[in-house]
């Protein structure tokens, strides 16, 4: 099996392989162009993301600057996903983000890792495991999601959390390492923030 194929199997491989680097640099050139677009060039940004990403649904918006090892080539975003400034996608293998998910500023979603053994790191070996984020999640500012993690639907990840293990659906999870704080409940139907009631009559 060649080095490129090992990117998606979880096996150790050499990311500096010539074939890998050649393809990756093309993706990074396109990412550079995306990050140079003007705020008024919304249509252009949308068209570029369709070219750059493996999949991207309608209504998605990503605020530049975007940082991505492969310029989004291995990223699968559903519809109406919003990502704020400085999203970092270590997309050496696949990242899946469900519909309506919100991603705060300075979030890192990483699929790539390196062996603990120093001798292997010295040789620049890497491994990759996919990350899956469910539908209608909110990933708070500065959160870090590490390789192989799955986050369930409707879940909120608190700002600054480091997600090292799977998080179930319909919960609020916070901390380093990130742990479930509580389930989403009827309280959240009544209050949207620190005792402030949701006035449904005033909402569209």
N, C-alpha and C. Protein backbone atom coordinates (compact mmCIF):
# COMPACT_ATOMS: atom_id res chain seq x y z
N UNK A 1 0.84 -1.20 0.00
CA UNK A 1 0.00 0.00 0.00
C UNK A 1 0.88 1.25 0.00
N UNK A 2 0.56 2.20 -0.90
CA UNK A 2 1.38 3.41 -0.95
C UNK A 2 1.05 4.35 0.21
N UNK A 3 1.90 5.36 0.39
CA UNK A 3 1.76 6.27 1.53
C UNK A 3 0.43 7.03 1.48
N UNK A 4 0.00 7.44 0.30
CA UNK A 4 -1.23 8.21 0.17
C UNK A 4 -2.44 7.40 0.63
N UNK A 5 -2.48 6.14 0.28
CA UNK A 5 -3.61 5.29 0.67
C UNK A 5 -3.68 5.13 2.19
N UNK A 6 -2.53 5.12 2.85
CA UNK A 6 -2.48 4.95 4.31
C UNK A 6 -3.03 6.17 5.06
N UNK A 7 -3.19 7.28 4.37
CA UNK A 7 -3.75 8.47 5.02
C UNK A 7 -5.13 8.20 5.61
N UNK A 8 -5.87 7.27 5.03
CA UNK A 8 -7.26 7.07 5.40
C UNK A 8 -7.51 5.70 6.06
N UNK A 9 -6.45 5.04 6.48
CA UNK A 9 -6.61 3.71 7.09
C UNK A 9 -6.25 3.69 8.58
N UNK A 10 -5.70 4.77 9.10
CA UNK A 10 -5.24 4.78 10.48
C UNK A 10 -3.84 4.23 10.66
N UNK A 11 -3.20 3.77 9.57
CA UNK A 11 -1.84 3.25 9.66
C UNK A 11 -0.82 4.39 9.73
N UNK A 12 0.36 4.08 10.23
CA UNK A 12 1.46 5.04 10.19
C UNK A 12 1.90 5.24 8.75
N UNK A 13 2.16 6.50 8.40
CA UNK A 13 2.61 6.81 7.04
C UNK A 13 3.50 8.04 7.08
N UNK A 14 4.10 8.34 5.94
CA UNK A 14 5.02 9.47 5.82
C UNK A 14 4.33 10.64 5.11
N UNK A 15 3.92 11.69 5.82
CA UNK A 15 3.21 12.79 5.18
C UNK A 15 4.07 13.60 4.21
N UNK A 16 5.38 13.44 4.28
CA UNK A 16 6.27 14.18 3.37
C UNK A 16 6.54 13.42 2.08
N UNK A 17 5.80 12.36 1.84
CA UNK A 17 5.89 11.62 0.58
C UNK A 17 5.69 12.57 -0.60
N UNK A 18 6.46 12.42 -1.65
CA UNK A 18 6.47 13.36 -2.78
C UNK A 18 5.10 13.47 -3.45
N UNK A 19 4.41 12.35 -3.63
CA UNK A 19 3.09 12.37 -4.27
C UNK A 19 2.09 13.12 -3.40
N UNK A 20 2.15 12.88 -2.09
CA UNK A 20 1.26 13.57 -1.16
C UNK A 20 1.52 15.07 -1.19
N UNK A 21 2.77 15.46 -1.11
CA UNK A 21 3.13 16.88 -1.06
C UNK A 21 2.70 17.62 -2.32
N UNK A 22 2.85 16.97 -3.45
CA UNK A 22 2.48 17.62 -4.71
C UNK A 22 0.99 17.95 -4.75
N UNK A 23 0.15 17.00 -4.34
CA UNK A 23 -1.29 17.22 -4.34
C UNK A 23 -1.70 18.21 -3.26
N UNK A 24 -1.06 18.09 -2.10
CA UNK A 24 -1.41 18.95 -0.98
C UNK A 24 -1.11 20.42 -1.28
N UNK A 25 0.00 20.68 -1.94
CA UNK A 25 0.37 22.07 -2.25
C UNK A 25 -0.63 22.72 -3.19
N UNK A 26 -1.19 21.96 -4.11
CA UNK A 26 -2.23 22.50 -4.99
C UNK A 26 -3.44 22.94 -4.18
N UNK A 27 -3.82 22.12 -3.20
CA UNK A 27 -4.96 22.46 -2.33
C UNK A 27 -4.65 23.71 -1.50
N UNK A 28 -3.42 23.82 -1.03
CA UNK A 28 -3.04 24.97 -0.21
C UNK A 28 -2.99 26.26 -1.02
N UNK A 29 -2.61 26.16 -2.28
CA UNK A 29 -2.66 27.33 -3.16
C UNK A 29 -4.10 27.84 -3.29
N UNK A 30 -5.04 26.92 -3.45
CA UNK A 30 -6.45 27.30 -3.58
C UNK A 30 -6.98 27.90 -2.28
N UNK A 31 -6.55 27.35 -1.16
CA UNK A 31 -6.93 27.89 0.14
C UNK A 31 -6.39 29.31 0.31
N UNK A 32 -5.19 29.53 -0.15
CA UNK A 32 -4.60 30.88 -0.11
C UNK A 32 -5.48 31.86 -0.87
N UNK A 33 -5.93 31.45 -2.05
CA UNK A 33 -6.80 32.32 -2.85
C UNK A 33 -8.11 32.62 -2.12
N UNK A 34 -8.68 31.60 -1.48
CA UNK A 34 -9.92 31.80 -0.72
C UNK A 34 -9.72 32.84 0.38
N UNK A 35 -8.61 32.75 1.07
CA UNK A 35 -8.36 33.67 2.18
C UNK A 35 -8.05 35.10 1.74
N UNK A 36 -7.80 35.30 0.46
CA UNK A 36 -7.55 36.65 -0.07
C UNK A 36 -8.81 37.31 -0.62
N UNK A 37 -9.94 36.61 -0.57
CA UNK A 37 -11.17 37.20 -1.11
C UNK A 37 -11.65 38.34 -0.23
N UNK A 38 -12.38 39.26 -0.85
CA UNK A 38 -12.94 40.41 -0.12
C UNK A 38 -14.25 40.03 0.56
N UNK A 39 -14.61 40.72 1.65
CA UNK A 39 -15.87 40.44 2.33
C UNK A 39 -17.10 40.54 1.43
N UNK A 40 -17.02 41.36 0.38
CA UNK A 40 -18.16 41.51 -0.53
C UNK A 40 -18.26 40.39 -1.55
N UNK A 41 -17.26 39.52 -1.63
CA UNK A 41 -17.23 38.47 -2.65
C UNK A 41 -17.84 37.17 -2.11
N UNK A 42 -19.04 37.28 -1.60
CA UNK A 42 -19.68 36.13 -0.97
C UNK A 42 -19.95 35.01 -1.97
N UNK A 43 -20.43 35.36 -3.14
CA UNK A 43 -20.73 34.35 -4.15
C UNK A 43 -19.46 33.63 -4.58
N UNK A 44 -18.40 34.38 -4.74
CA UNK A 44 -17.12 33.78 -5.13
C UNK A 44 -16.63 32.82 -4.05
N UNK A 45 -16.75 33.21 -2.79
CA UNK A 45 -16.34 32.34 -1.69
C UNK A 45 -17.13 31.03 -1.71
N UNK A 46 -18.44 31.14 -1.93
CA UNK A 46 -19.28 29.96 -1.97
C UNK A 46 -18.88 29.00 -3.08
N UNK A 47 -18.58 29.54 -4.25
CA UNK A 47 -18.17 28.70 -5.37
C UNK A 47 -16.82 28.05 -5.10
N UNK A 48 -15.92 28.79 -4.48
CA UNK A 48 -14.60 28.23 -4.17
C UNK A 48 -14.70 27.08 -3.16
N UNK A 49 -15.55 27.25 -2.17
CA UNK A 49 -15.70 26.19 -1.17
C UNK A 49 -16.24 24.91 -1.80
N UNK A 50 -17.12 25.05 -2.79
CA UNK A 50 -17.64 23.87 -3.48
C UNK A 50 -16.52 23.12 -4.21
N UNK A 51 -15.53 23.86 -4.70
CA UNK A 51 -14.39 23.23 -5.36
C UNK A 51 -13.41 22.64 -4.35
N UNK A 52 -13.23 23.32 -3.22
CA UNK A 52 -12.20 22.95 -2.25
C UNK A 52 -12.60 21.77 -1.38
N UNK A 53 -13.87 21.70 -0.98
CA UNK A 53 -14.32 20.70 -0.02
C UNK A 53 -14.77 19.42 -0.72
N UNK A 54 -14.68 18.30 -0.01
CA UNK A 54 -15.20 17.05 -0.55
C UNK A 54 -16.70 17.15 -0.75
N UNK A 55 -17.38 17.75 0.24
CA UNK A 55 -18.82 18.02 0.17
C UNK A 55 -19.10 19.27 0.98
N UNK A 56 -19.99 20.12 0.46
CA UNK A 56 -20.43 21.27 1.25
C UNK A 56 -21.86 21.61 0.84
N UNK A 57 -22.75 21.67 1.83
CA UNK A 57 -24.16 21.87 1.55
C UNK A 57 -24.51 23.32 1.29
N UNK A 58 -25.74 23.52 0.91
CA UNK A 58 -26.23 24.88 0.65
C UNK A 58 -26.28 25.68 1.95
N UNK A 59 -26.02 26.97 1.81
CA UNK A 59 -26.12 27.87 2.96
C UNK A 59 -24.96 27.82 3.91
N UNK A 60 -23.89 27.15 3.56
CA UNK A 60 -22.70 27.11 4.43
C UNK A 60 -21.91 28.41 4.29
N UNK A 61 -21.34 28.85 5.39
CA UNK A 61 -20.50 30.05 5.36
C UNK A 61 -19.31 29.85 6.30
N UNK A 62 -18.13 30.08 5.77
CA UNK A 62 -16.91 29.98 6.56
C UNK A 62 -16.19 31.32 6.48
N UNK A 63 -15.97 31.93 7.63
CA UNK A 63 -15.27 33.22 7.68
C UNK A 63 -13.78 33.01 7.44
N UNK A 64 -13.19 33.68 6.46
CA UNK A 64 -11.74 33.67 6.37
C UNK A 64 -11.14 34.45 7.56
N UNK A 65 -9.93 34.14 7.99
CA UNK A 65 -9.08 33.11 7.41
C UNK A 65 -9.45 31.71 7.88
N UNK A 66 -9.41 30.79 6.93
CA UNK A 66 -9.56 29.37 7.18
C UNK A 66 -8.19 28.73 7.05
N UNK A 67 -7.88 27.83 7.97
CA UNK A 67 -6.61 27.10 7.92
C UNK A 67 -6.94 25.62 7.78
N UNK A 68 -6.34 24.95 6.81
CA UNK A 68 -6.65 23.54 6.59
C UNK A 68 -5.47 22.87 5.90
N UNK A 69 -5.05 21.73 6.45
CA UNK A 69 -3.89 21.02 5.90
C UNK A 69 -4.07 20.68 4.42
N UNK A 70 -5.31 20.34 4.06
CA UNK A 70 -5.61 19.98 2.68
C UNK A 70 -6.65 20.92 2.08
N UNK A 71 -6.77 22.10 2.62
CA UNK A 71 -7.68 23.09 2.05
C UNK A 71 -9.13 22.67 2.02
N UNK A 72 -9.52 21.71 2.88
CA UNK A 72 -10.89 21.22 2.91
C UNK A 72 -11.15 20.01 2.04
N UNK A 73 -10.12 19.48 1.39
CA UNK A 73 -10.30 18.38 0.43
C UNK A 73 -10.97 17.16 1.05
N UNK A 74 -10.74 16.94 2.33
CA UNK A 74 -11.30 15.75 2.99
C UNK A 74 -12.41 16.12 3.97
N UNK A 75 -13.04 17.29 3.76
CA UNK A 75 -14.08 17.77 4.67
C UNK A 75 -15.46 17.63 4.04
N UNK A 76 -16.41 17.18 4.83
CA UNK A 76 -17.78 16.95 4.39
C UNK A 76 -18.70 17.75 5.31
N UNK A 77 -19.16 18.90 4.85
CA UNK A 77 -20.03 19.78 5.64
C UNK A 77 -21.45 19.69 5.10
N UNK A 78 -22.43 19.58 6.00
CA UNK A 78 -23.82 19.59 5.60
C UNK A 78 -24.29 20.99 5.27
N UNK A 79 -25.61 21.18 5.22
CA UNK A 79 -26.16 22.49 4.85
C UNK A 79 -26.21 23.42 6.06
N UNK A 80 -26.11 24.72 5.77
CA UNK A 80 -26.26 25.77 6.79
C UNK A 80 -25.28 25.63 7.95
N UNK A 81 -24.07 25.17 7.66
CA UNK A 81 -23.00 25.16 8.65
C UNK A 81 -22.35 26.54 8.65
N UNK A 82 -22.11 27.09 9.85
CA UNK A 82 -21.43 28.37 9.97
C UNK A 82 -20.16 28.18 10.79
N UNK A 83 -19.05 28.69 10.28
CA UNK A 83 -17.78 28.64 11.00
C UNK A 83 -17.21 30.05 11.09
N UNK A 84 -16.87 30.46 12.30
CA UNK A 84 -16.33 31.80 12.54
C UNK A 84 -14.83 31.83 12.21
N UNK A 85 -14.20 32.99 12.48
CA UNK A 85 -12.81 33.22 12.10
C UNK A 85 -11.85 32.16 12.65
N UNK A 86 -10.82 31.88 11.85
CA UNK A 86 -9.68 31.06 12.29
C UNK A 86 -10.02 29.60 12.59
N UNK A 87 -10.96 29.04 11.85
CA UNK A 87 -11.18 27.60 11.94
C UNK A 87 -9.95 26.89 11.40
N UNK A 88 -9.44 25.93 12.17
CA UNK A 88 -8.29 25.12 11.74
C UNK A 88 -8.75 23.68 11.55
N UNK A 89 -8.63 23.19 10.34
CA UNK A 89 -9.02 21.82 9.99
C UNK A 89 -7.76 21.04 9.64
N UNK A 90 -7.35 20.16 10.52
CA UNK A 90 -6.24 19.26 10.20
C UNK A 90 -6.87 18.09 9.46
N UNK A 91 -7.15 18.33 8.19
CA UNK A 91 -7.98 17.41 7.40
C UNK A 91 -7.13 16.44 6.58
N UNK A 92 -6.19 15.78 7.25
CA UNK A 92 -5.38 14.77 6.56
C UNK A 92 -6.19 13.51 6.27
N UNK A 93 -7.27 13.31 7.00
CA UNK A 93 -8.31 12.37 6.60
C UNK A 93 -9.66 13.05 6.83
N UNK A 94 -10.73 12.32 6.81
CA UNK A 94 -12.06 12.92 6.66
C UNK A 94 -12.61 13.55 7.95
N UNK A 95 -13.23 14.71 7.77
CA UNK A 95 -13.96 15.42 8.82
C UNK A 95 -15.40 15.57 8.35
N UNK A 96 -16.36 15.16 9.19
CA UNK A 96 -17.77 15.24 8.86
C UNK A 96 -18.47 16.19 9.83
N UNK A 97 -19.20 17.17 9.30
CA UNK A 97 -19.94 18.13 10.12
C UNK A 97 -21.37 18.16 9.63
N UNK A 98 -22.33 17.95 10.53
CA UNK A 98 -23.73 17.86 10.16
C UNK A 98 -24.41 19.20 9.92
N UNK A 99 -25.61 19.15 9.35
CA UNK A 99 -26.40 20.34 9.04
C UNK A 99 -26.59 21.23 10.28
N UNK A 100 -26.60 22.54 10.04
CA UNK A 100 -26.95 23.55 11.03
C UNK A 100 -25.96 23.67 12.20
N UNK A 101 -24.82 23.06 12.08
CA UNK A 101 -23.83 23.16 13.16
C UNK A 101 -23.14 24.52 13.11
N UNK A 102 -22.90 25.08 14.29
CA UNK A 102 -22.22 26.36 14.46
C UNK A 102 -20.84 26.11 15.07
N UNK A 103 -19.83 26.75 14.50
CA UNK A 103 -18.46 26.58 14.98
C UNK A 103 -17.90 27.96 15.33
N UNK A 104 -17.53 28.14 16.58
CA UNK A 104 -17.03 29.42 17.05
C UNK A 104 -15.63 29.73 16.54
N UNK A 105 -15.12 30.93 16.85
CA UNK A 105 -13.79 31.32 16.40
C UNK A 105 -12.69 30.48 17.06
N UNK A 106 -11.60 30.31 16.31
CA UNK A 106 -10.38 29.66 16.82
C UNK A 106 -10.58 28.21 17.25
N UNK A 107 -11.50 27.52 16.59
CA UNK A 107 -11.71 26.09 16.84
C UNK A 107 -10.71 25.27 16.02
N UNK A 108 -10.21 24.19 16.62
CA UNK A 108 -9.31 23.26 15.94
C UNK A 108 -9.98 21.89 15.87
N UNK A 109 -10.09 21.35 14.65
CA UNK A 109 -10.59 19.99 14.45
C UNK A 109 -9.47 19.21 13.78
N UNK A 110 -8.89 18.27 14.51
CA UNK A 110 -7.67 17.60 14.04
C UNK A 110 -7.91 16.12 13.82
N UNK A 111 -7.53 15.63 12.65
CA UNK A 111 -7.58 14.20 12.38
C UNK A 111 -6.19 13.56 12.46
N UNK A 112 -5.14 14.36 12.42
CA UNK A 112 -3.78 13.84 12.37
C UNK A 112 -3.12 13.79 13.73
N UNK A 113 -2.35 12.74 13.97
CA UNK A 113 -1.59 12.60 15.20
C UNK A 113 -0.23 11.99 14.92
N UNK A 114 0.59 11.94 15.97
CA UNK A 114 1.94 11.39 15.84
C UNK A 114 2.20 10.39 16.97
N UNK A 115 3.02 9.38 16.74
CA UNK A 115 3.27 8.37 17.76
C UNK A 115 3.89 8.99 19.02
N UNK A 116 3.60 8.39 20.16
CA UNK A 116 4.24 8.81 21.40
C UNK A 116 5.72 8.46 21.40
N UNK A 117 6.09 7.34 20.79
CA UNK A 117 7.48 6.88 20.79
C UNK A 117 8.37 7.89 20.06
N UNK A 118 9.39 8.44 20.73
CA UNK A 118 10.22 9.48 20.13
C UNK A 118 10.90 9.07 18.83
N UNK A 119 11.35 7.79 18.76
CA UNK A 119 12.06 7.35 17.57
C UNK A 119 11.18 7.41 16.33
N UNK A 120 9.89 7.12 16.49
CA UNK A 120 8.98 7.18 15.34
C UNK A 120 8.67 8.62 14.97
N UNK A 121 8.51 9.49 15.97
CA UNK A 121 8.27 10.91 15.67
C UNK A 121 9.46 11.52 14.96
N UNK A 122 10.65 11.11 15.35
CA UNK A 122 11.86 11.63 14.73
C UNK A 122 11.90 11.33 13.24
N UNK A 123 11.28 10.22 12.87
CA UNK A 123 11.21 9.84 11.45
C UNK A 123 10.01 10.48 10.74
N UNK A 124 9.24 11.31 11.48
CA UNK A 124 8.13 12.10 10.92
C UNK A 124 6.90 11.26 10.58
N UNK A 125 6.73 10.10 11.25
CA UNK A 125 5.54 9.30 11.00
C UNK A 125 4.29 9.98 11.55
N UNK A 126 3.18 9.73 10.90
CA UNK A 126 1.88 10.31 11.28
C UNK A 126 0.81 9.24 11.12
N UNK A 127 -0.31 9.41 11.82
CA UNK A 127 -1.50 8.58 11.61
C UNK A 127 -2.71 9.50 11.62
N UNK A 128 -3.80 9.09 11.00
CA UNK A 128 -5.01 9.90 10.91
C UNK A 128 -6.25 9.06 11.26
N UNK A 129 -7.17 9.68 12.01
CA UNK A 129 -8.47 9.08 12.27
C UNK A 129 -9.55 10.14 12.08
N UNK A 130 -10.67 9.79 11.45
CA UNK A 130 -11.69 10.78 11.13
C UNK A 130 -12.37 11.36 12.36
N UNK A 131 -12.91 12.57 12.20
CA UNK A 131 -13.71 13.24 13.23
C UNK A 131 -15.12 13.40 12.67
N UNK A 132 -16.12 13.14 13.52
CA UNK A 132 -17.52 13.27 13.12
C UNK A 132 -18.25 14.16 14.12
N UNK A 133 -18.83 15.24 13.61
CA UNK A 133 -19.63 16.16 14.43
C UNK A 133 -21.05 16.12 13.90
N UNK A 134 -22.01 15.93 14.79
CA UNK A 134 -23.38 15.70 14.38
C UNK A 134 -24.12 16.93 13.89
N UNK A 135 -25.40 16.76 13.76
CA UNK A 135 -26.30 17.80 13.25
C UNK A 135 -26.66 18.78 14.37
N UNK A 136 -26.69 20.06 14.03
CA UNK A 136 -27.20 21.10 14.92
C UNK A 136 -26.39 21.19 16.22
N UNK A 137 -25.09 21.02 16.13
CA UNK A 137 -24.21 21.19 17.27
C UNK A 137 -23.73 22.64 17.35
N UNK A 138 -23.22 23.01 18.51
CA UNK A 138 -22.55 24.29 18.70
C UNK A 138 -21.20 24.00 19.34
N UNK A 139 -20.14 24.30 18.59
CA UNK A 139 -18.77 24.10 19.07
C UNK A 139 -18.25 25.47 19.50
N UNK A 140 -18.06 25.66 20.80
CA UNK A 140 -17.71 26.96 21.34
C UNK A 140 -16.30 27.41 20.97
N UNK A 141 -16.07 28.71 21.12
CA UNK A 141 -14.80 29.33 20.73
C UNK A 141 -13.61 28.64 21.39
N UNK A 142 -12.57 28.41 20.59
CA UNK A 142 -11.33 27.88 21.12
C UNK A 142 -11.34 26.41 21.47
N UNK A 143 -12.40 25.69 21.12
CA UNK A 143 -12.44 24.26 21.40
C UNK A 143 -11.45 23.52 20.50
N UNK A 144 -10.94 22.41 21.03
CA UNK A 144 -10.02 21.54 20.28
C UNK A 144 -10.62 20.14 20.25
N UNK A 145 -10.75 19.57 19.06
CA UNK A 145 -11.30 18.23 18.88
C UNK A 145 -10.21 17.37 18.26
N UNK A 146 -9.85 16.28 18.93
CA UNK A 146 -8.69 15.49 18.53
C UNK A 146 -9.11 14.31 17.65
N UNK A 147 -8.14 13.62 17.03
CA UNK A 147 -8.45 12.55 16.08
C UNK A 147 -9.34 11.45 16.65
N UNK A 148 -10.28 10.99 15.81
CA UNK A 148 -11.10 9.84 16.12
C UNK A 148 -12.34 10.12 16.94
N UNK A 149 -12.60 11.38 17.27
CA UNK A 149 -13.73 11.74 18.13
C UNK A 149 -15.03 11.84 17.33
N UNK A 150 -16.13 11.41 17.96
CA UNK A 150 -17.47 11.61 17.43
C UNK A 150 -18.28 12.41 18.44
N UNK A 151 -18.98 13.45 17.96
CA UNK A 151 -19.86 14.28 18.78
C UNK A 151 -21.28 14.11 18.25
N UNK A 152 -22.21 13.79 19.13
CA UNK A 152 -23.58 13.50 18.71
C UNK A 152 -24.38 14.74 18.34
N UNK A 153 -25.58 14.52 17.80
CA UNK A 153 -26.46 15.60 17.36
C UNK A 153 -26.88 16.50 18.52
N UNK A 154 -27.05 17.79 18.19
CA UNK A 154 -27.62 18.80 19.10
C UNK A 154 -26.73 19.15 20.29
N UNK A 155 -25.55 18.63 20.34
CA UNK A 155 -24.68 18.81 21.51
C UNK A 155 -23.95 20.16 21.45
N UNK A 156 -23.75 20.74 22.65
CA UNK A 156 -22.99 21.98 22.81
C UNK A 156 -21.66 21.64 23.47
N UNK A 157 -20.58 22.07 22.84
CA UNK A 157 -19.23 21.92 23.40
C UNK A 157 -18.79 23.30 23.90
N UNK A 158 -18.53 23.41 25.19
CA UNK A 158 -18.20 24.70 25.78
C UNK A 158 -16.90 25.28 25.26
N UNK A 159 -16.81 26.61 25.30
CA UNK A 159 -15.62 27.32 24.84
C UNK A 159 -14.38 26.82 25.56
N UNK A 160 -13.31 26.62 24.80
CA UNK A 160 -12.04 26.22 25.37
C UNK A 160 -11.93 24.75 25.72
N UNK A 161 -12.93 23.97 25.43
CA UNK A 161 -12.89 22.54 25.76
C UNK A 161 -11.91 21.79 24.87
N UNK A 162 -11.34 20.72 25.42
CA UNK A 162 -10.49 19.82 24.65
C UNK A 162 -11.17 18.46 24.62
N UNK A 163 -11.69 18.11 23.44
CA UNK A 163 -12.52 16.92 23.29
C UNK A 163 -11.64 15.74 22.89
N UNK A 164 -11.41 14.83 23.85
CA UNK A 164 -10.52 13.70 23.63
C UNK A 164 -11.26 12.38 23.50
N UNK A 165 -12.56 12.37 23.84
CA UNK A 165 -13.37 11.16 23.75
C UNK A 165 -14.73 11.50 23.15
N UNK A 166 -15.44 10.48 22.69
CA UNK A 166 -16.77 10.68 22.10
C UNK A 166 -17.70 11.36 23.10
N UNK A 167 -18.57 12.24 22.58
CA UNK A 167 -19.57 12.94 23.36
C UNK A 167 -20.94 12.58 22.78
N UNK A 168 -21.92 12.20 23.62
CA UNK A 168 -23.22 11.78 23.09
C UNK A 168 -24.06 12.94 22.58
N UNK A 169 -25.21 12.62 22.04
CA UNK A 169 -26.16 13.63 21.56
C UNK A 169 -26.88 14.31 22.72
N UNK A 170 -27.37 15.53 22.46
CA UNK A 170 -28.30 16.23 23.36
C UNK A 170 -27.72 16.53 24.74
N UNK A 171 -26.45 16.92 24.77
CA UNK A 171 -25.83 17.28 26.05
C UNK A 171 -25.04 18.57 25.91
N UNK A 172 -24.73 19.16 27.07
CA UNK A 172 -23.74 20.23 27.17
C UNK A 172 -22.49 19.60 27.77
N UNK A 173 -21.36 19.76 27.10
CA UNK A 173 -20.11 19.17 27.56
C UNK A 173 -19.02 20.24 27.60
N UNK A 174 -18.21 20.24 28.64
CA UNK A 174 -17.23 21.31 28.84
C UNK A 174 -15.96 20.73 29.45
N UNK A 175 -14.88 21.50 29.35
CA UNK A 175 -13.68 21.22 30.13
C UNK A 175 -12.54 20.61 29.36
N UNK A 176 -11.46 20.38 30.12
CA UNK A 176 -10.24 19.77 29.58
C UNK A 176 -9.75 18.71 30.57
N UNK A 177 -9.98 17.42 30.25
CA UNK A 177 -10.65 16.92 29.05
C UNK A 177 -12.16 17.17 29.12
N UNK A 178 -12.79 17.27 27.96
CA UNK A 178 -14.21 17.59 27.87
C UNK A 178 -15.06 16.46 28.44
N UNK A 179 -15.99 16.83 29.34
CA UNK A 179 -16.90 15.86 29.95
C UNK A 179 -18.33 16.37 29.87
N UNK A 180 -19.28 15.47 29.91
CA UNK A 180 -20.69 15.86 29.89
C UNK A 180 -21.03 16.58 31.19
N UNK A 181 -21.56 17.80 31.07
CA UNK A 181 -21.99 18.58 32.23
C UNK A 181 -23.44 18.26 32.58
N UNK A 182 -24.29 18.22 31.54
CA UNK A 182 -25.72 17.93 31.77
C UNK A 182 -26.38 17.65 30.43
N UNK A 183 -27.60 17.13 30.51
CA UNK A 183 -28.41 16.94 29.31
C UNK A 183 -29.12 18.25 28.97
N UNK A 184 -29.41 18.44 27.70
CA UNK A 184 -30.26 19.54 27.27
C UNK A 184 -31.68 19.21 27.71
N UNK A 185 -32.39 20.18 28.33
CA UNK A 185 -33.65 19.87 29.01
C UNK A 185 -34.71 20.94 28.75
N UNK A 186 -35.84 20.81 29.45
CA UNK A 186 -36.91 21.80 29.34
C UNK A 186 -36.46 23.18 29.84
N UNK A 187 -35.50 23.21 30.74
CA UNK A 187 -34.94 24.49 31.19
C UNK A 187 -34.43 25.30 30.00
N UNK A 188 -33.78 24.63 29.06
CA UNK A 188 -33.22 25.30 27.88
C UNK A 188 -34.31 25.75 26.92
N UNK A 189 -35.48 25.13 27.02
CA UNK A 189 -36.62 25.58 26.22
C UNK A 189 -37.18 26.89 26.77
N UNK A 190 -37.05 27.07 28.10
CA UNK A 190 -37.59 28.27 28.73
C UNK A 190 -36.59 29.42 28.78
N UNK A 191 -35.31 29.09 29.02
CA UNK A 191 -34.28 30.12 29.19
C UNK A 191 -33.18 29.93 28.15
N UNK A 192 -32.74 31.04 27.53
CA UNK A 192 -31.69 30.93 26.51
C UNK A 192 -30.32 31.31 27.04
N UNK A 193 -30.27 32.11 28.14
CA UNK A 193 -28.96 32.51 28.68
C UNK A 193 -29.12 33.10 30.07
N UNK A 194 -28.55 32.46 31.05
CA UNK A 194 -28.48 32.97 32.43
C UNK A 194 -29.80 33.58 32.92
N UNK A 195 -30.84 32.80 32.90
CA UNK A 195 -32.12 33.22 33.42
C UNK A 195 -32.94 34.12 32.51
N UNK A 196 -32.45 34.38 31.31
CA UNK A 196 -33.22 35.19 30.35
C UNK A 196 -34.20 34.29 29.61
N UNK A 197 -35.49 34.63 29.73
CA UNK A 197 -36.53 33.80 29.14
C UNK A 197 -36.61 34.01 27.63
N UNK A 198 -36.93 32.94 26.93
CA UNK A 198 -37.16 33.00 25.49
C UNK A 198 -38.61 33.42 25.26
N UNK A 199 -38.80 34.56 24.60
CA UNK A 199 -40.14 35.04 24.27
C UNK A 199 -40.49 34.55 22.86
N UNK A 200 -41.15 33.41 22.80
CA UNK A 200 -41.43 32.80 21.51
C UNK A 200 -42.36 33.63 20.65
N UNK A 201 -43.18 34.47 21.28
CA UNK A 201 -44.10 35.32 20.53
C UNK A 201 -43.34 36.35 19.69
N UNK A 202 -42.16 36.73 20.15
CA UNK A 202 -41.38 37.74 19.44
C UNK A 202 -40.44 37.15 18.40
N UNK A 203 -40.29 35.84 18.42
CA UNK A 203 -39.40 35.19 17.45
C UNK A 203 -40.14 34.98 16.13
N UNK A 204 -39.38 34.92 15.05
CA UNK A 204 -39.99 34.70 13.75
C UNK A 204 -40.54 33.28 13.66
